[in-house]
Amino acid sequence: MEAGWCPGDPENCTTDRHGSALVAWQLLVDWARKDEEGKSHDRGLLDYCLRDSATLAEAQVDQTLSLVDRCPATWDLLIGGWVRDPLIERLESRRKTFVTTARAASLTTPSLATA
């Protein structure tokens, strides 16, 4: 699903397919914590978002929906235990480079006090 997200800012993207991939991811992550009414209410939306995002083949969408229908209480375990946040991971992966660059720039920029 992450592959279908906007390469820029997924939360503010206006491309429908990117938005559908993000919504499908969020629905899947929260699925185990939904009550039965919430699951039945969101099942159609999940189906639509999985198909609209075009990130999975038709057979994969069917398999994912089958798993959601059969094993909703263990979904977090099926996707790897504690749910990770790919947006934060992206930020963290770039943070070290940003900090290093900012520190290097501050060492080479004359201080206002000495100017």
PDB file of N, CA and C in Angstrom:
ATOM      1  N   MET A   1       0.820  -1.192   0.000  1.00  0.00           N
ATOM      2  CA  MET A   1       0.000   0.000   0.000  1.00  0.00           C
ATOM      3  C   MET A   1       0.866   1.259   0.000  1.00  0.00           C
ATOM      4  N   GLU A   2       1.970   1.212   0.715  1.00  0.00           N
ATOM      5  CA  GLU A   2       2.827   2.400   0.781  1.00  0.00           C
ATOM      6  C   GLU A   2       3.318   2.831  -0.586  1.00  0.00           C
ATOM      7  N   ALA A   3       3.531   1.857  -1.470  1.00  0.00           N
ATOM      8  CA  ALA A   3       4.028   2.177  -2.809  1.00  0.00           C
ATOM      9  C   ALA A   3       3.045   3.065  -3.570  1.00  0.00           C
ATOM     10  N   GLY A   4       1.777   3.031  -3.207  1.00  0.00           N
ATOM     11  CA  GLY A   4       0.777   3.842  -3.883  1.00  0.00           C
ATOM     12  C   GLY A   4       0.598   5.220  -3.296  1.00  0.00           C
ATOM     13  N   TRP A   5       1.292   5.513  -2.212  1.00  0.00           N
ATOM     14  CA  TRP A   5       1.166   6.831  -1.594  1.00  0.00           C
ATOM     15  C   TRP A   5       1.848   7.883  -2.443  1.00  0.00           C
ATOM     16  N   CYS A   6       1.482   9.098  -2.195  1.00  0.00           N
ATOM     17  CA  CYS A   6       2.101  10.230  -2.868  1.00  0.00           C
ATOM     18  C   CYS A   6       3.574  10.292  -2.473  1.00  0.00           C
ATOM     19  N   PRO A   7       4.455  10.457  -3.439  1.00  0.00           N
ATOM     20  CA  PRO A   7       5.880  10.550  -3.087  1.00  0.00           C
ATOM     21  C   PRO A   7       6.219  11.846  -2.349  1.00  0.00           C
ATOM     22  N   GLY A   8       5.335  12.809  -2.391  1.00  0.00           N
ATOM     23  CA  GLY A   8       5.569  14.073  -1.688  1.00  0.00           C
ATOM     24  C   GLY A   8       4.958  14.055  -0.303  1.00  0.00           C
ATOM     25  N   ASP A   9       3.755  14.570  -0.173  1.00  0.00           N
ATOM     26  CA  ASP A   9       3.079  14.680   1.105  1.00  0.00           C
ATOM     27  C   ASP A   9       1.762  13.906   1.049  1.00  0.00           C
ATOM     28  N   PRO A  10       1.744  12.635   1.474  1.00  0.00           N
ATOM     29  CA  PRO A  10       0.547  11.807   1.335  1.00  0.00           C
ATOM     30  C   PRO A  10      -0.690  12.361   2.022  1.00  0.00           C
ATOM     31  N   GLU A  11      -0.510  13.081   3.107  1.00  0.00           N
ATOM     32  CA  GLU A  11      -1.669  13.564   3.835  1.00  0.00           C
ATOM     33  C   GLU A  11      -2.338  14.756   3.160  1.00  0.00           C
ATOM     34  N   ASN A  12      -1.626  15.447   2.274  1.00  0.00           N
ATOM     35  CA  ASN A  12      -2.189  16.615   1.604  1.00  0.00           C
ATOM     36  C   ASN A  12      -2.253  16.460   0.089  1.00  0.00           C
ATOM     37  N   CYS A  13      -2.084  15.258  -0.399  1.00  0.00           N
ATOM     38  CA  CYS A  13      -2.087  14.979  -1.834  1.00  0.00           C
ATOM     39  C   CYS A  13      -3.510  15.064  -2.382  1.00  0.00           C
ATOM     40  N   THR A  14      -3.626  15.522  -3.619  1.00  0.00           N
ATOM     41  CA  THR A  14      -4.950  15.626  -4.251  1.00  0.00           C
ATOM     42  C   THR A  14      -5.162  14.573  -5.342  1.00  0.00           C
ATOM     43  N   THR A  15      -4.213  13.662  -5.540  1.00  0.00           N
ATOM     44  CA  THR A  15      -4.370  12.586  -6.516  1.00  0.00           C
ATOM     45  C   THR A  15      -5.226  11.492  -5.894  1.00  0.00           C
ATOM     46  N   ASP A  16      -6.349  11.180  -6.519  1.00  0.00           N
ATOM     47  CA  ASP A  16      -7.320  10.237  -5.951  1.00  0.00           C
ATOM     48  C   ASP A  16      -6.706   8.881  -5.626  1.00  0.00           C
ATOM     49  N   ARG A  17      -5.916   8.324  -6.518  1.00  0.00           N
ATOM     50  CA  ARG A  17      -5.328   7.003  -6.277  1.00  0.00           C
ATOM     51  C   ARG A  17      -4.395   7.020  -5.075  1.00  0.00           C
ATOM     52  N   HIS A  18      -3.635   8.084  -4.923  1.00  0.00           N
ATOM     53  CA  HIS A  18      -2.747   8.200  -3.768  1.00  0.00           C
ATOM     54  C   HIS A  18      -3.562   8.287  -2.482  1.00  0.00           C
ATOM     55  N   GLY A  19      -4.628   9.067  -2.521  1.00  0.00           N
ATOM     56  CA  GLY A  19      -5.490   9.205  -1.348  1.00  0.00           C
ATOM     57  C   GLY A  19      -6.154   7.883  -0.985  1.00  0.00           C
ATOM     58  N   SER A  20      -6.576   7.141  -1.982  1.00  0.00           N
ATOM     59  CA  SER A  20      -7.201   5.838  -1.727  1.00  0.00           C
ATOM     60  C   SER A  20      -6.212   4.874  -1.079  1.00  0.00           C
ATOM     61  N   ALA A  21      -4.961   4.907  -1.508  1.00  0.00           N
ATOM     62  CA  ALA A  21      -3.944   4.034  -0.915  1.00  0.00           C
ATOM     63  C   ALA A  21      -3.718   4.395   0.552  1.00  0.00           C
ATOM     64  N   LEU A  22      -3.677   5.684   0.858  1.00  0.00           N
ATOM     65  CA  LEU A  22      -3.477   6.127   2.237  1.00  0.00           C
ATOM     66  C   LEU A  22      -4.675   5.756   3.105  1.00  0.00           C
ATOM     67  N   VAL A  23      -5.877   5.962   2.609  1.00  0.00           N
ATOM     68  CA  VAL A  23      -7.084   5.624   3.377  1.00  0.00           C
ATOM     69  C   VAL A  23      -7.154   4.111   3.600  1.00  0.00           C
ATOM     70  N   ALA A  24      -6.845   3.321   2.573  1.00  0.00           N
ATOM     71  CA  ALA A  24      -6.857   1.856   2.737  1.00  0.00           C
ATOM     72  C   ALA A  24      -5.865   1.429   3.804  1.00  0.00           C
ATOM     73  N   TRP A  25      -4.679   2.022   3.793  1.00  0.00           N
ATOM     74  CA  TRP A  25      -3.667   1.703   4.812  1.00  0.00           C
ATOM     75  C   TRP A  25      -4.202   2.024   6.206  1.00  0.00           C
ATOM     76  N   GLN A  26      -4.784   3.199   6.366  1.00  0.00           N
ATOM     77  CA  GLN A  26      -5.292   3.601   7.672  1.00  0.00           C
ATOM     78  C   GLN A  26      -6.425   2.685   8.137  1.00  0.00           C
ATOM     79  N   LEU A  27      -7.294   2.304   7.215  1.00  0.00           N
ATOM     80  CA  LEU A  27      -8.376   1.383   7.574  1.00  0.00           C
ATOM     81  C   LEU A  27      -7.807   0.040   8.028  1.00  0.00           C
ATOM     82  N   LEU A  28      -6.827  -0.480   7.303  1.00  0.00           N
ATOM     83  CA  LEU A  28      -6.242  -1.775   7.665  1.00  0.00           C
ATOM     84  C   LEU A  28      -5.530  -1.715   9.016  1.00  0.00           C
ATOM     85  N   VAL A  29      -4.819  -0.630   9.259  1.00  0.00           N
ATOM     86  CA  VAL A  29      -4.094  -0.479  10.525  1.00  0.00           C
ATOM     87  C   VAL A  29      -5.056  -0.450  11.707  1.00  0.00           C
ATOM     88  N   ASP A  30      -6.195   0.209  11.539  1.00  0.00           N
ATOM     89  CA  ASP A  30      -7.151   0.366  12.638  1.00  0.00           C
ATOM     90  C   ASP A  30      -8.188  -0.752  12.705  1.00  0.00           C
ATOM     91  N   TRP A  31      -8.178  -1.674  11.761  1.00  0.00           N
ATOM     92  CA  TRP A  31      -9.249  -2.658  11.634  1.00  0.00           C
ATOM     93  C   TRP A  31      -9.473  -3.470  12.899  1.00  0.00           C
ATOM     94  N   ALA A  32      -8.422  -3.939  13.542  1.00  0.00           N
ATOM     95  CA  ALA A  32      -8.564  -4.801  14.720  1.00  0.00           C
ATOM     96  C   ALA A  32      -9.212  -4.063  15.898  1.00  0.00           C
ATOM     97  N   ARG A  33      -9.123  -2.751  15.908  1.00  0.00           N
ATOM     98  CA  ARG A  33      -9.682  -1.979  17.024  1.00  0.00           C
ATOM     99  C   ARG A  33     -11.124  -1.530  16.776  1.00  0.00           C
ATOM    100  N   LYS A  34     -11.653  -1.831  15.612  1.00  0.00           N
ATOM    101  CA  LYS A  34     -13.041  -1.444  15.303  1.00  0.00           C
ATOM    102  C   LYS A  34     -14.014  -2.450  15.901  1.00  0.00           C
ATOM    103  N   ASP A  35     -15.164  -1.958  16.309  1.00  0.00           N
ATOM    104  CA  ASP A  35     -16.212  -2.883  16.749  1.00  0.00           C
ATOM    105  C   ASP A  35     -16.906  -3.441  15.504  1.00  0.00           C
ATOM    106  N   GLU A  36     -17.779  -4.396  15.691  1.00  0.00           N
ATOM    107  CA  GLU A  36     -18.435  -5.063  14.551  1.00  0.00           C
ATOM    108  C   GLU A  36     -19.207  -4.081  13.674  1.00  0.00           C
ATOM    109  N   GLU A  37     -19.868  -3.120  14.296  1.00  0.00           N
ATOM    110  CA  GLU A  37     -20.622  -2.133  13.519  1.00  0.00           C
ATOM    111  C   GLU A  37     -19.681  -1.289  12.674  1.00  0.00           C
ATOM    112  N   GLY A  38     -18.558  -0.883  13.254  1.00  0.00           N
ATOM    113  CA  GLY A  38     -17.571  -0.100  12.510  1.00  0.00           C
ATOM    114  C   GLY A  38     -16.969  -0.881  11.363  1.00  0.00           C
ATOM    115  N   LYS A  39     -16.712  -2.170  11.607  1.00  0.00           N
ATOM    116  CA  LYS A  39     -16.160  -3.014  10.541  1.00  0.00           C
ATOM    117  C   LYS A  39     -17.149  -3.150   9.389  1.00  0.00           C
ATOM    118  N   SER A  40     -18.394  -3.402   9.720  1.00  0.00           N
ATOM    119  CA  SER A  40     -19.374  -3.585   8.649  1.00  0.00           C
ATOM    120  C   SER A  40     -19.619  -2.262   7.915  1.00  0.00           C
ATOM    121  N   HIS A  41     -19.548  -1.147   8.633  1.00  0.00           N
ATOM    122  CA  HIS A  41     -19.728   0.170   8.020  1.00  0.00           C
ATOM    123  C   HIS A  41     -18.578   0.501   7.068  1.00  0.00           C
ATOM    124  N   ASP A  42     -17.341   0.154   7.455  1.00  0.00           N
ATOM    125  CA  ASP A  42     -16.155   0.527   6.682  1.00  0.00           C
ATOM    126  C   ASP A  42     -15.717  -0.521   5.666  1.00  0.00           C
ATOM    127  N   ARG A  43     -16.353  -1.682   5.656  1.00  0.00           N
ATOM    128  CA  ARG A  43     -15.921  -2.772   4.764  1.00  0.00           C
ATOM    129  C   ARG A  43     -16.015  -2.369   3.295  1.00  0.00           C
ATOM    130  N   GLY A  44     -17.093  -1.713   2.908  1.00  0.00           N
ATOM    131  CA  GLY A  44     -17.261  -1.259   1.524  1.00  0.00           C
ATOM    132  C   GLY A  44     -16.237  -0.202   1.139  1.00  0.00           C
ATOM    133  N   LEU A  45     -15.955   0.711   2.066  1.00  0.00           N
ATOM    134  CA  LEU A  45     -14.954   1.747   1.818  1.00  0.00           C
ATOM    135  C   LEU A  45     -13.579   1.121   1.636  1.00  0.00           C
ATOM    136  N   LEU A  46     -13.261   0.140   2.481  1.00  0.00           N
ATOM    137  CA  LEU A  46     -11.968  -0.546   2.350  1.00  0.00           C
ATOM    138  C   LEU A  46     -11.865  -1.224   0.984  1.00  0.00           C
ATOM    139  N   ASP A  47     -12.898  -1.926   0.582  1.00  0.00           N
ATOM    140  CA  ASP A  47     -12.926  -2.586  -0.727  1.00  0.00           C
ATOM    141  C   ASP A  47     -12.689  -1.555  -1.832  1.00  0.00           C
ATOM    142  N   TYR A  48     -13.425  -0.459  -1.793  1.00  0.00           N
ATOM    143  CA  TYR A  48     -13.291   0.584  -2.812  1.00  0.00           C
ATOM    144  C   TYR A  48     -11.864   1.152  -2.836  1.00  0.00           C
ATOM    145  N   CYS A  49     -11.336   1.494  -1.672  1.00  0.00           N
ATOM    146  CA  CYS A  49     -10.004   2.110  -1.605  1.00  0.00           C
ATOM    147  C   CYS A  49      -8.903   1.161  -2.078  1.00  0.00           C
ATOM    148  N   LEU A  50      -9.012  -0.111  -1.711  1.00  0.00           N
ATOM    149  CA  LEU A  50      -8.018  -1.078  -2.170  1.00  0.00           C
ATOM    150  C   LEU A  50      -8.021  -1.168  -3.693  1.00  0.00           C
ATOM    151  N   ARG A  51      -9.198  -1.217  -4.279  1.00  0.00           N
ATOM    152  CA  ARG A  51      -9.300  -1.346  -5.732  1.00  0.00           C
ATOM    153  C   ARG A  51      -8.925  -0.033  -6.437  1.00  0.00           C
ATOM    154  N   ASP A  52      -9.377   1.093  -5.903  1.00  0.00           N
ATOM    155  CA  ASP A  52      -9.116   2.387  -6.530  1.00  0.00           C
ATOM    156  C   ASP A  52      -7.639   2.774  -6.477  1.00  0.00           C
ATOM    157  N   SER A  53      -6.953   2.349  -5.440  1.00  0.00           N
ATOM    158  CA  SER A  53      -5.549   2.734  -5.296  1.00  0.00           C
ATOM    159  C   SER A  53      -4.664   2.082  -6.352  1.00  0.00           C
ATOM    160  N   ALA A  54      -5.096   0.969  -6.903  1.00  0.00           N
ATOM    161  CA  ALA A  54      -4.347   0.237  -7.930  1.00  0.00           C
ATOM    162  C   ALA A  54      -2.953  -0.157  -7.464  1.00  0.00           C
ATOM    163  N   THR A  55      -2.789  -0.371  -6.162  1.00  0.00           N
ATOM    164  CA  THR A  55      -1.486  -0.787  -5.636  1.00  0.00           C
ATOM    165  C   THR A  55      -1.375  -2.303  -5.535  1.00  0.00           C
ATOM    166  N   LEU A  56      -2.501  -2.988  -5.541  1.00  0.00           N
ATOM    167  CA  LEU A  56      -2.514  -4.441  -5.454  1.00  0.00           C
ATOM    168  C   LEU A  56      -3.205  -5.010  -6.690  1.00  0.00           C
ATOM    169  N   ALA A  57      -2.782  -6.196  -7.087  1.00  0.00           N
ATOM    170  CA  ALA A  57      -3.480  -6.896  -8.166  1.00  0.00           C
ATOM    171  C   ALA A  57      -4.851  -7.327  -7.658  1.00  0.00           C
ATOM    172  N   GLU A  58      -5.743  -7.629  -8.572  1.00  0.00           N
ATOM    173  CA  GLU A  58      -7.109  -8.024  -8.205  1.00  0.00           C
ATOM    174  C   GLU A  58      -7.109  -9.204  -7.231  1.00  0.00           C
ATOM    175  N   ALA A  59      -6.277 -10.196  -7.491  1.00  0.00           N
ATOM    176  CA  ALA A  59      -6.210 -11.373  -6.608  1.00  0.00           C
ATOM    177  C   ALA A  59      -5.717 -10.986  -5.217  1.00  0.00           C
ATOM    178  N   GLN A  60      -4.773 -10.034  -5.133  1.00  0.00           N
ATOM    179  CA  GLN A  60      -4.273  -9.581  -3.833  1.00  0.00           C
ATOM    180  C   GLN A  60      -5.342  -8.828  -3.058  1.00  0.00           C
ATOM    181  N   VAL A  61      -6.138  -8.038  -3.765  1.00  0.00           N
ATOM    182  CA  VAL A  61      -7.239  -7.330  -3.108  1.00  0.00           C
ATOM    183  C   VAL A  61      -8.214  -8.343  -2.522  1.00  0.00           C
ATOM    184  N   ASP A  62      -8.567  -9.346  -3.316  1.00  0.00           N
ATOM    185  CA  ASP A  62      -9.494 -10.376  -2.840  1.00  0.00           C
ATOM    186  C   ASP A  62      -8.929 -11.118  -1.632  1.00  0.00           C
ATOM    187  N   GLN A  63      -7.633 -11.427  -1.662  1.00  0.00           N
ATOM    188  CA  GLN A  63      -6.993 -12.117  -0.533  1.00  0.00           C
ATOM    189  C   GLN A  63      -6.982 -11.231   0.710  1.00  0.00           C
ATOM    190  N   THR A  64      -6.686  -9.966   0.533  1.00  0.00           N
ATOM    191  CA  THR A  64      -6.660  -9.032   1.665  1.00  0.00           C
ATOM    192  C   THR A  64      -8.040  -8.916   2.298  1.00  0.00           C
ATOM    193  N   LEU A  65      -9.062  -8.776   1.471  1.00  0.00           N
ATOM    194  CA  LEU A  65     -10.422  -8.673   1.996  1.00  0.00           C
ATOM    195  C   LEU A  65     -10.858  -9.967   2.671  1.00  0.00           C
ATOM    196  N   SER A  66     -10.432 -11.090   2.135  1.00  0.00           N
ATOM    197  CA  SER A  66     -10.744 -12.381   2.756  1.00  0.00           C
ATOM    198  C   SER A  66     -10.096 -12.488   4.135  1.00  0.00           C
ATOM    199  N   LEU A  67      -8.857 -12.039   4.239  1.00  0.00           N
ATOM    200  CA  LEU A  67      -8.172 -12.051   5.539  1.00  0.00           C
ATOM    201  C   LEU A  67      -8.864 -11.119   6.531  1.00  0.00           C
ATOM    202  N   VAL A  68      -9.241  -9.939   6.059  1.00  0.00           N
ATOM    203  CA  VAL A  68      -9.933  -8.979   6.924  1.00  0.00           C
ATOM    204  C   VAL A  68     -11.235  -9.572   7.438  1.00  0.00           C
ATOM    205  N   ASP A  69     -11.953 -10.274   6.569  1.00  0.00           N
ATOM    206  CA  ASP A  69     -13.232 -10.867   6.961  1.00  0.00           C
ATOM    207  C   ASP A  69     -13.063 -12.035   7.934  1.00  0.00           C
ATOM    208  N   ARG A  70     -11.982 -12.802   7.774  1.00  0.00           N
ATOM    209  CA  ARG A  70     -11.798 -14.000   8.596  1.00  0.00           C
ATOM    210  C   ARG A  70     -11.019 -13.757   9.881  1.00  0.00           C
ATOM    211  N   CYS A  71     -10.076 -12.814   9.856  1.00  0.00           N
ATOM    212  CA  CYS A  71      -9.163 -12.662  10.996  1.00  0.00           C
ATOM    213  C   CYS A  71      -9.048 -11.217  11.457  1.00  0.00           C
ATOM    214  N   PRO A  72     -10.149 -10.526  11.655  1.00  0.00           N
ATOM    215  CA  PRO A  72     -10.022  -9.106  11.995  1.00  0.00           C
ATOM    216  C   PRO A  72      -9.312  -8.837  13.317  1.00  0.00           C
ATOM    217  N   ALA A  73      -9.414  -9.746  14.267  1.00  0.00           N
ATOM    218  CA  ALA A  73      -8.810  -9.491  15.573  1.00  0.00           C
ATOM    219  C   ALA A  73      -7.303  -9.630  15.540  1.00  0.00           C
ATOM    220  N   THR A  74      -6.757 -10.308  14.539  1.00  0.00           N
ATOM    221  CA  THR A  74      -5.314 -10.514  14.496  1.00  0.00           C
ATOM    222  C   THR A  74      -4.650  -9.744  13.366  1.00  0.00           C
ATOM    223  N   TRP A  75      -5.325  -8.771  12.809  1.00  0.00           N
ATOM    224  CA  TRP A  75      -4.771  -8.062  11.665  1.00  0.00           C
ATOM    225  C   TRP A  75      -3.421  -7.431  11.981  1.00  0.00           C
ATOM    226  N   ASP A  76      -3.266  -6.819  13.152  1.00  0.00           N
ATOM    227  CA  ASP A  76      -1.985  -6.203  13.494  1.00  0.00           C
ATOM    228  C   ASP A  76      -0.860  -7.226  13.443  1.00  0.00           C
ATOM    229  N   LEU A  77      -1.136  -8.438  13.877  1.00  0.00           N
ATOM    230  CA  LEU A  77      -0.119  -9.490  13.833  1.00  0.00           C
ATOM    231  C   LEU A  77       0.181  -9.905  12.397  1.00  0.00           C
ATOM    232  N   LEU A  78      -0.834  -9.923  11.554  1.00  0.00           N
ATOM    233  CA  LEU A  78      -0.629 -10.312  10.167  1.00  0.00           C
ATOM    234  C   LEU A  78       0.244  -9.317   9.416  1.00  0.00           C
ATOM    235  N   ILE A  79       0.188  -8.042   9.794  1.00  0.00           N
ATOM    236  CA  ILE A  79       0.995  -7.051   9.090  1.00  0.00           C
ATOM    237  C   ILE A  79       2.304  -6.755   9.818  1.00  0.00           C
ATOM    238  N   GLY A  80       2.645  -7.565  10.792  1.00  0.00           N
ATOM    239  CA  GLY A  80       3.980  -7.450  11.371  1.00  0.00           C
ATOM    240  C   GLY A  80       4.051  -6.974  12.796  1.00  0.00           C
ATOM    241  N   GLY A  81       3.055  -7.204  13.599  1.00  0.00           N
ATOM    242  CA  GLY A  81       3.130  -6.811  15.007  1.00  0.00           C
ATOM    243  C   GLY A  81       2.772  -5.355  15.177  1.00  0.00           C
ATOM    244  N   TRP A  82       3.551  -4.655  15.998  1.00  0.00           N
ATOM    245  CA  TRP A  82       3.270  -3.240  16.235  1.00  0.00           C
ATOM    246  C   TRP A  82       3.246  -2.516  14.914  1.00  0.00           C
ATOM    247  N   VAL A  83       2.253  -1.704  14.726  1.00  0.00           N
ATOM    248  CA  VAL A  83       2.094  -0.998  13.462  1.00  0.00           C
ATOM    249  C   VAL A  83       3.109   0.129  13.392  1.00  0.00           C
ATOM    250  N   ARG A  84       3.847   0.138  12.318  1.00  0.00           N
ATOM    251  CA  ARG A  84       4.825   1.196  12.113  1.00  0.00           C
ATOM    252  C   ARG A  84       4.165   2.356  11.372  1.00  0.00           C
ATOM    253  N   ASP A  85       4.757   3.493  11.440  1.00  0.00           N
ATOM    254  CA  ASP A  85       4.223   4.666  10.765  1.00  0.00           C
ATOM    255  C   ASP A  85       5.199   5.068   9.659  1.00  0.00           C
ATOM    256  N   PRO A  86       4.918   4.685   8.415  1.00  0.00           N
ATOM    257  CA  PRO A  86       5.845   4.976   7.324  1.00  0.00           C
ATOM    258  C   PRO A  86       6.110   6.465   7.115  1.00  0.00           C
ATOM    259  N   LEU A  87       5.145   7.321   7.431  1.00  0.00           N
ATOM    260  CA  LEU A  87       5.381   8.761   7.280  1.00  0.00           C
ATOM    261  C   LEU A  87       6.456   9.235   8.243  1.00  0.00           C
ATOM    262  N   ILE A  88       6.388   8.767   9.490  1.00  0.00           N
ATOM    263  CA  ILE A  88       7.415   9.137  10.473  1.00  0.00           C
ATOM    264  C   ILE A  88       8.749   8.515  10.083  1.00  0.00           C
ATOM    265  N   GLU A  89       8.730   7.288   9.579  1.00  0.00           N
ATOM    266  CA  GLU A  89       9.977   6.653   9.143  1.00  0.00           C
ATOM    267  C   GLU A  89      10.635   7.452   8.032  1.00  0.00           C
ATOM    268  N   ARG A  90       9.829   7.960   7.091  1.00  0.00           N
ATOM    269  CA  ARG A  90      10.385   8.786   6.009  1.00  0.00           C
ATOM    270  C   ARG A  90      11.037  10.045   6.574  1.00  0.00           C
ATOM    271  N   LEU A  91      10.347  10.682   7.520  1.00  0.00           N
ATOM    272  CA  LEU A  91      10.879  11.882   8.145  1.00  0.00           C
ATOM    273  C   LEU A  91      12.186  11.564   8.874  1.00  0.00           C
ATOM    274  N   GLU A  92      12.185  10.496   9.668  1.00  0.00           N
ATOM    275  CA  GLU A  92      13.374  10.122  10.421  1.00  0.00           C
ATOM    276  C   GLU A  92      14.548   9.772   9.510  1.00  0.00           C
ATOM    277  N   SER A  93      14.275   9.147   8.367  1.00  0.00           N
ATOM    278  CA  SER A  93      15.351   8.772   7.459  1.00  0.00           C
ATOM    279  C   SER A  93      16.049   9.993   6.873  1.00  0.00           C
ATOM    280  N   ARG A  94      15.346  11.111   6.795  1.00  0.00           N
ATOM    281  CA  ARG A  94      15.933  12.337   6.241  1.00  0.00           C
ATOM    282  C   ARG A  94      16.422  13.294   7.328  1.00  0.00           C
ATOM    283  N   ARG A  95      16.035  13.043   8.559  1.00  0.00           N
ATOM    284  CA  ARG A  95      16.365  13.948   9.657  1.00  0.00           C
ATOM    285  C   ARG A  95      17.872  14.067   9.878  1.00  0.00           C
ATOM    286  N   LYS A  96      18.585  12.952   9.903  1.00  0.00           N
ATOM    287  CA  LYS A  96      20.021  12.968  10.181  1.00  0.00           C
ATOM    288  C   LYS A  96      20.766  13.804   9.136  1.00  0.00           C
ATOM    289  N   THR A  97      20.429  13.618   7.856  1.00  0.00           N
ATOM    290  CA  THR A  97      21.068  14.393   6.796  1.00  0.00           C
ATOM    291  C   THR A  97      20.765  15.875   6.957  1.00  0.00           C
ATOM    292  N   PHE A  98      19.516  16.205   7.287  1.00  0.00           N
ATOM    293  CA  PHE A  98      19.134  17.597   7.475  1.00  0.00           C
ATOM    294  C   PHE A  98      19.924  18.234   8.627  1.00  0.00           C
ATOM    295  N   VAL A  99      19.987  17.545   9.755  1.00  0.00           N
ATOM    296  CA  VAL A  99      20.691  18.080  10.923  1.00  0.00           C
ATOM    297  C   VAL A  99      22.169  18.266  10.611  1.00  0.00           C
ATOM    298  N   THR A 100      22.777  17.270   9.973  1.00  0.00           N
ATOM    299  CA  THR A 100      24.198  17.370   9.617  1.00  0.00           C
ATOM    300  C   THR A 100      24.445  18.560   8.694  1.00  0.00           C
ATOM    301  N   THR A 101      23.587  18.716   7.689  1.00  0.00           N
ATOM    302  CA  THR A 101      23.730  19.833   6.745  1.00  0.00           C
ATOM    303  C   THR A 101      23.520  21.171   7.440  1.00  0.00           C
ATOM    304  N   ALA A 102      22.520  21.258   8.296  1.00  0.00           N
ATOM    305  CA  ALA A 102      22.246  22.510   9.011  1.00  0.00           C
ATOM    306  C   ALA A 102      23.400  22.878   9.933  1.00  0.00           C
ATOM    307  N   ARG A 103      23.952  21.896  10.624  1.00  0.00           N
ATOM    308  CA  ARG A 103      25.089  22.183  11.509  1.00  0.00           C
ATOM    309  C   ARG A 103      26.310  22.621  10.715  1.00  0.00           C
ATOM    310  N   ALA A 104      26.565  21.972   9.594  1.00  0.00           N
ATOM    311  CA  ALA A 104      27.702  22.349   8.754  1.00  0.00           C
ATOM    312  C   ALA A 104      27.525  23.763   8.224  1.00  0.00           C
ATOM    313  N   ALA A 105      26.308  24.108   7.831  1.00  0.00           N
ATOM    314  CA  ALA A 105      26.035  25.445   7.315  1.00  0.00           C
ATOM    315  C   ALA A 105      26.215  26.494   8.406  1.00  0.00           C
ATOM    316  N   SER A 106      25.843  26.177   9.639  1.00  0.00           N
ATOM    317  CA  SER A 106      25.977  27.160  10.717  1.00  0.00           C
ATOM    318  C   SER A 106      27.440  27.385  11.088  1.00  0.00           C
ATOM    319  N   LEU A 107      28.286  26.405  10.839  1.00  0.00           N
ATOM    320  CA  LEU A 107      29.721  26.557  11.121  1.00  0.00           C
ATOM    321  C   LEU A 107      30.407  27.410  10.058  1.00  0.00           C
ATOM    322  N   THR A 108      29.877  27.402   8.849  1.00  0.00           N
ATOM    323  CA  THR A 108      30.503  28.154   7.762  1.00  0.00           C
ATOM    324  C   THR A 108      29.882  29.519   7.552  1.00  0.00           C
ATOM    325  N   THR A 109      28.772  29.818   8.199  1.00  0.00           N
ATOM    326  CA  THR A 109      28.099  31.104   8.057  1.00  0.00           C
ATOM    327  C   THR A 109      28.601  32.036   9.139  1.00  0.00           C
ATOM    328  N   PRO A 110      29.044  33.230   8.773  1.00  0.00           N
ATOM    329  CA  PRO A 110      29.509  34.161   9.805  1.00  0.00           C
ATOM    330  C   PRO A 110      28.405  34.519  10.789  1.00  0.00           C
ATOM    331  N   SER A 111      28.754  34.624  12.020  1.00  0.00           N
ATOM    332  CA  SER A 111      27.810  34.993  13.059  1.00  0.00           C
ATOM    333  C   SER A 111      27.396  36.437  12.919  1.00  0.00           C
ATOM    334  N   LEU A 112      26.165  36.744  13.274  1.00  0.00           N
ATOM    335  CA  LEU A 112      25.681  38.128  13.211  1.00  0.00           C
ATOM    336  C   LEU A 112      26.410  39.003  14.227  1.00  0.00           C
ATOM    337  N   ALA A 113      26.845  38.402  15.330  1.00  0.00           N
ATOM    338  CA  ALA A 113      27.515  39.175  16.380  1.00  0.00           C
ATOM    339  C   ALA A 113      28.878  39.677  15.909  1.00  0.00           C
ATOM    340  N   THR A 114      29.530  38.954  15.006  1.00  0.00           N
ATOM    341  CA  THR A 114      30.864  39.368  14.550  1.00  0.00           C
ATOM    342  C   THR A 114      30.809  40.172  13.271  1.00  0.00           C
ATOM    343  N   ALA A 115      29.645  40.303  12.693  1.00  0.00           N
ATOM    344  CA  ALA A 115      29.532  41.013  11.397  1.00  0.00           C
ATOM    345  C   ALA A 115      29.518  42.502  11.590  1.00  0.00           C
TER     346      ALA A 115
END
